[in-house]
Amino acid sequence: MMNTNNKTKNLGDRDIELLVGRLLRTGVVTASCIVLLGGILFLIQHGASPMPSYHHFAGESANYTTFGGILSGVLQLNAKGIVQFGVMVLIATPVLRIALSLIGFVLEKDLLYVVITTIVLCVMLFSTIGGLKV
């Protein structure tokens, strides 16, 4: 009689799909909660301030456009820094999804998809990191 115990089998396609789905859901929900927390904190800190003039565009200071500035804002519990951090988590989610897919393809030893996914991951990282201000 054959042993049909599946407990020792390697990660399959379905397992990788479940991990990727869980990663995407977790990333989006986490980013949403961080942005919501930052928005609530912003209303607490600035809710009574007068309405700003929207006749002229005023961009954010460098504190909220650099990785270090955003982390500094989060550590200081600055609302704008927390919202920007939530946006960073949201942007990182698909990059992590591609990295997880790459690991899955490596485990499956599917060379064609390993090469394609590596190229896609490099393009994503280059375009994301290339736009960072240090």
C-alpha atoms as a PDB file:
ATOM      1  CA  MET A   1       0.000   0.000   0.000  1.00  0.00           C
ATOM      2  CA  MET A   2       1.297   3.468  -0.907  1.00  0.00           C
ATOM      3  CA  ASN A   3       1.839   6.158   1.680  1.00  0.00           C
ATOM      4  CA  THR A   4      -0.205   9.213   0.726  1.00  0.00           C
ATOM      5  CA  ASN A   5       0.980  11.406   3.573  1.00  0.00           C
ATOM      6  CA  ASN A   6       1.216  14.964   2.191  1.00  0.00           C
ATOM      7  CA  LYS A   7       2.710  16.504   5.316  1.00  0.00           C
ATOM      8  CA  THR A   8       6.251  16.145   4.007  1.00  0.00           C
ATOM      9  CA  LYS A   9       5.644  17.643   0.564  1.00  0.00           C
ATOM     10  CA  ASN A  10       7.387  20.825  -0.499  1.00  0.00           C
ATOM     11  CA  LEU A  11       5.679  24.140  -1.017  1.00  0.00           C
ATOM     12  CA  GLY A  12       3.413  23.873  -4.023  1.00  0.00           C
ATOM     13  CA  ASP A  13       1.885  26.411  -6.365  1.00  0.00           C
ATOM     14  CA  ARG A  14      -1.203  26.692  -4.182  1.00  0.00           C
ATOM     15  CA  ASP A  15       0.888  27.344  -1.059  1.00  0.00           C
ATOM     16  CA  ILE A  16       2.811  30.129  -2.799  1.00  0.00           C
ATOM     17  CA  GLU A  17      -0.454  31.649  -4.068  1.00  0.00           C
ATOM     18  CA  LEU A  18      -1.858  31.626  -0.532  1.00  0.00           C
ATOM     19  CA  LEU A  19       1.293  33.260   0.855  1.00  0.00           C
ATOM     20  CA  VAL A  20       1.238  35.931  -1.860  1.00  0.00           C
ATOM     21  CA  GLY A  21      -2.454  36.613  -1.245  1.00  0.00           C
ATOM     22  CA  ARG A  22      -1.892  36.865   2.497  1.00  0.00           C
ATOM     23  CA  LEU A  23       1.078  39.200   1.927  1.00  0.00           C
ATOM     24  CA  LEU A  24      -0.963  41.501  -0.321  1.00  0.00           C
ATOM     25  CA  ARG A  25      -3.901  41.624   2.094  1.00  0.00           C
ATOM     26  CA  THR A  26      -1.643  42.191   5.090  1.00  0.00           C
ATOM     27  CA  GLY A  27       0.334  44.919   3.307  1.00  0.00           C
ATOM     28  CA  VAL A  28      -2.735  46.842   2.169  1.00  0.00           C
ATOM     29  CA  VAL A  29      -4.528  46.536   5.518  1.00  0.00           C
ATOM     30  CA  THR A  30      -1.381  47.522   7.433  1.00  0.00           C
ATOM     31  CA  ALA A  31      -0.755  50.527   5.175  1.00  0.00           C
ATOM     32  CA  SER A  32      -4.409  51.587   5.487  1.00  0.00           C
ATOM     33  CA  CYS A  33      -4.300  51.375   9.278  1.00  0.00           C
ATOM     34  CA  ILE A  34      -1.074  53.406   9.409  1.00  0.00           C
ATOM     35  CA  VAL A  35      -2.526  56.101   7.134  1.00  0.00           C
ATOM     36  CA  LEU A  36      -5.768  56.137   9.154  1.00  0.00           C
ATOM     37  CA  LEU A  37      -3.804  56.539  12.372  1.00  0.00           C
ATOM     38  CA  GLY A  38      -1.800  59.371  10.810  1.00  0.00           C
ATOM     39  CA  GLY A  39      -4.990  61.024   9.549  1.00  0.00           C
ATOM     40  CA  ILE A  40      -6.632  60.873  12.970  1.00  0.00           C
ATOM     41  CA  LEU A  41      -3.481  62.256  14.574  1.00  0.00           C
ATOM     42  CA  PHE A  42      -3.380  65.022  11.948  1.00  0.00           C
ATOM     43  CA  LEU A  43      -6.961  66.013  12.766  1.00  0.00           C
ATOM     44  CA  ILE A  44      -6.146  66.023  16.472  1.00  0.00           C
ATOM     45  CA  GLN A  45      -3.058  68.182  15.918  1.00  0.00           C
ATOM     46  CA  HIS A  46      -4.369  70.495  13.185  1.00  0.00           C
ATOM     47  CA  GLY A  47      -8.152  70.128  13.151  1.00  0.00           C
ATOM     48  CA  ALA A  48      -8.756  73.586  14.579  1.00  0.00           C
ATOM     49  CA  SER A  49      -6.299  75.321  12.242  1.00  0.00           C
ATOM     50  CA  PRO A  50      -7.709  77.657   9.597  1.00  0.00           C
ATOM     51  CA  MET A  51      -8.263  76.285   6.093  1.00  0.00           C
ATOM     52  CA  PRO A  52      -5.104  76.713   3.998  1.00  0.00           C
ATOM     53  CA  SER A  53      -5.153  78.674   0.770  1.00  0.00           C
ATOM     54  CA  TYR A  54      -5.180  76.363  -2.233  1.00  0.00           C
ATOM     55  CA  HIS A  55      -4.592  79.112  -4.816  1.00  0.00           C
ATOM     56  CA  HIS A  56      -0.868  78.295  -4.918  1.00  0.00           C
ATOM     57  CA  PHE A  57       0.683  74.868  -4.641  1.00  0.00           C
ATOM     58  CA  ALA A  58       3.019  74.457  -1.689  1.00  0.00           C
ATOM     59  CA  GLY A  59       4.900  71.146  -1.738  1.00  0.00           C
ATOM     60  CA  GLU A  60       6.029  69.279   1.329  1.00  0.00           C
ATOM     61  CA  SER A  61       9.335  70.065   2.946  1.00  0.00           C
ATOM     62  CA  ALA A  62      12.277  67.680   2.586  1.00  0.00           C
ATOM     63  CA  ASN A  63      11.320  66.137   5.922  1.00  0.00           C
ATOM     64  CA  TYR A  64       8.546  64.168   4.216  1.00  0.00           C
ATOM     65  CA  THR A  65      10.212  63.309   0.919  1.00  0.00           C
ATOM     66  CA  THR A  66      13.235  61.379   2.202  1.00  0.00           C
ATOM     67  CA  PHE A  67      13.362  58.000   3.874  1.00  0.00           C
ATOM     68  CA  GLY A  68      15.224  59.404   6.891  1.00  0.00           C
ATOM     69  CA  GLY A  69      12.850  62.343   7.186  1.00  0.00           C
ATOM     70  CA  ILE A  70       9.809  60.068   7.132  1.00  0.00           C
ATOM     71  CA  LEU A  71      11.257  57.733   9.781  1.00  0.00           C
ATOM     72  CA  SER A  72      12.183  60.726  11.902  1.00  0.00           C
ATOM     73  CA  GLY A  73       8.620  62.004  11.591  1.00  0.00           C
ATOM     74  CA  VAL A  74       7.230  58.626  12.651  1.00  0.00           C
ATOM     75  CA  LEU A  75       9.512  58.491  15.695  1.00  0.00           C
ATOM     76  CA  GLN A  76       8.392  62.003  16.676  1.00  0.00           C
ATOM     77  CA  LEU A  77       4.728  60.970  16.187  1.00  0.00           C
ATOM     78  CA  ASN A  78       4.319  63.610  13.491  1.00  0.00           C
ATOM     79  CA  ALA A  79       1.058  63.020  11.611  1.00  0.00           C
ATOM     80  CA  LYS A  80       2.428  63.781   8.148  1.00  0.00           C
ATOM     81  CA  GLY A  81       5.383  61.473   8.745  1.00  0.00           C
ATOM     82  CA  ILE A  82       3.045  58.667   9.799  1.00  0.00           C
ATOM     83  CA  VAL A  83       0.876  59.115   6.702  1.00  0.00           C
ATOM     84  CA  GLN A  84       3.965  59.113   4.470  1.00  0.00           C
ATOM     85  CA  PHE A  85       5.180  55.944   6.215  1.00  0.00           C
ATOM     86  CA  GLY A  86       1.838  54.293   5.429  1.00  0.00           C
ATOM     87  CA  VAL A  87       2.300  55.234   1.776  1.00  0.00           C
ATOM     88  CA  MET A  88       5.797  53.708   1.868  1.00  0.00           C
ATOM     89  CA  VAL A  89       4.357  50.458   3.258  1.00  0.00           C
ATOM     90  CA  LEU A  90       1.758  50.459   0.484  1.00  0.00           C
ATOM     91  CA  ILE A  91       4.459  50.968  -2.165  1.00  0.00           C
ATOM     92  CA  ALA A  92       6.614  48.197  -0.643  1.00  0.00           C
ATOM     93  CA  THR A  93       3.767  45.660  -0.778  1.00  0.00           C
ATOM     94  CA  PRO A  94       3.941  44.791  -4.509  1.00  0.00           C
ATOM     95  CA  VAL A  95       7.750  44.774  -4.374  1.00  0.00           C
ATOM     96  CA  LEU A  96       7.610  42.205  -1.570  1.00  0.00           C
ATOM     97  CA  ARG A  97       5.048  40.251  -3.585  1.00  0.00           C
ATOM     98  CA  ILE A  98       7.486  39.997  -6.485  1.00  0.00           C
ATOM     99  CA  ALA A  99      10.293  38.950  -4.121  1.00  0.00           C
ATOM    100  CA  LEU A 100       8.079  36.237  -2.615  1.00  0.00           C
ATOM    101  CA  SER A 101       7.154  35.028  -6.101  1.00  0.00           C
ATOM    102  CA  LEU A 102      10.855  34.882  -6.962  1.00  0.00           C
ATOM    103  CA  ILE A 103      11.490  32.680  -3.918  1.00  0.00           C
ATOM    104  CA  GLY A 104       8.626  30.425  -4.994  1.00  0.00           C
ATOM    105  CA  PHE A 105      10.002  30.076  -8.514  1.00  0.00           C
ATOM    106  CA  VAL A 106      13.472  29.318  -7.141  1.00  0.00           C
ATOM    107  CA  LEU A 107      12.013  26.584  -4.923  1.00  0.00           C
ATOM    108  CA  GLU A 108      10.143  25.170  -7.933  1.00  0.00           C
ATOM    109  CA  LYS A 109      13.381  25.367  -9.979  1.00  0.00           C
ATOM    110  CA  ASP A 110      11.557  27.123 -12.826  1.00  0.00           C
ATOM    111  CA  LEU A 111      14.496  28.900 -14.468  1.00  0.00           C
ATOM    112  CA  LEU A 112      12.497  30.879 -17.038  1.00  0.00           C
ATOM    113  CA  TYR A 113      10.254  32.427 -14.383  1.00  0.00           C
ATOM    114  CA  VAL A 114      13.225  33.008 -12.078  1.00  0.00           C
ATOM    115  CA  VAL A 115      14.904  35.066 -14.821  1.00  0.00           C
ATOM    116  CA  ILE A 116      11.728  36.976 -15.729  1.00  0.00           C
ATOM    117  CA  THR A 117      10.830  37.687 -12.092  1.00  0.00           C
ATOM    118  CA  THR A 118      14.398  38.787 -11.317  1.00  0.00           C
ATOM    119  CA  ILE A 119      14.256  41.273 -14.197  1.00  0.00           C
ATOM    120  CA  VAL A 120      10.874  42.591 -13.020  1.00  0.00           C
ATOM    121  CA  LEU A 121      12.151  42.881  -9.440  1.00  0.00           C
ATOM    122  CA  CYS A 122      15.270  44.748 -10.575  1.00  0.00           C
ATOM    123  CA  VAL A 123      13.192  47.170 -12.652  1.00  0.00           C
ATOM    124  CA  MET A 124      10.818  47.772  -9.706  1.00  0.00           C
ATOM    125  CA  LEU A 125      13.680  48.313  -7.254  1.00  0.00           C
ATOM    126  CA  PHE A 126      15.573  50.565  -9.658  1.00  0.00           C
ATOM    127  CA  SER A 127      12.536  52.729 -10.337  1.00  0.00           C
ATOM    128  CA  THR A 128      11.596  52.900  -6.654  1.00  0.00           C
ATOM    129  CA  ILE A 129      15.038  53.441  -5.181  1.00  0.00           C
ATOM    130  CA  GLY A 130      16.208  55.578  -8.093  1.00  0.00           C
ATOM    131  CA  GLY A 131      13.596  58.196  -7.202  1.00  0.00           C
ATOM    132  CA  LEU A 132      14.544  58.391  -3.527  1.00  0.00           C
ATOM    133  CA  LYS A 133      16.140  61.462  -2.120  1.00  0.00           C
ATOM    134  CA  VAL A 134      18.811  60.533   0.388  1.00  0.00           C
END
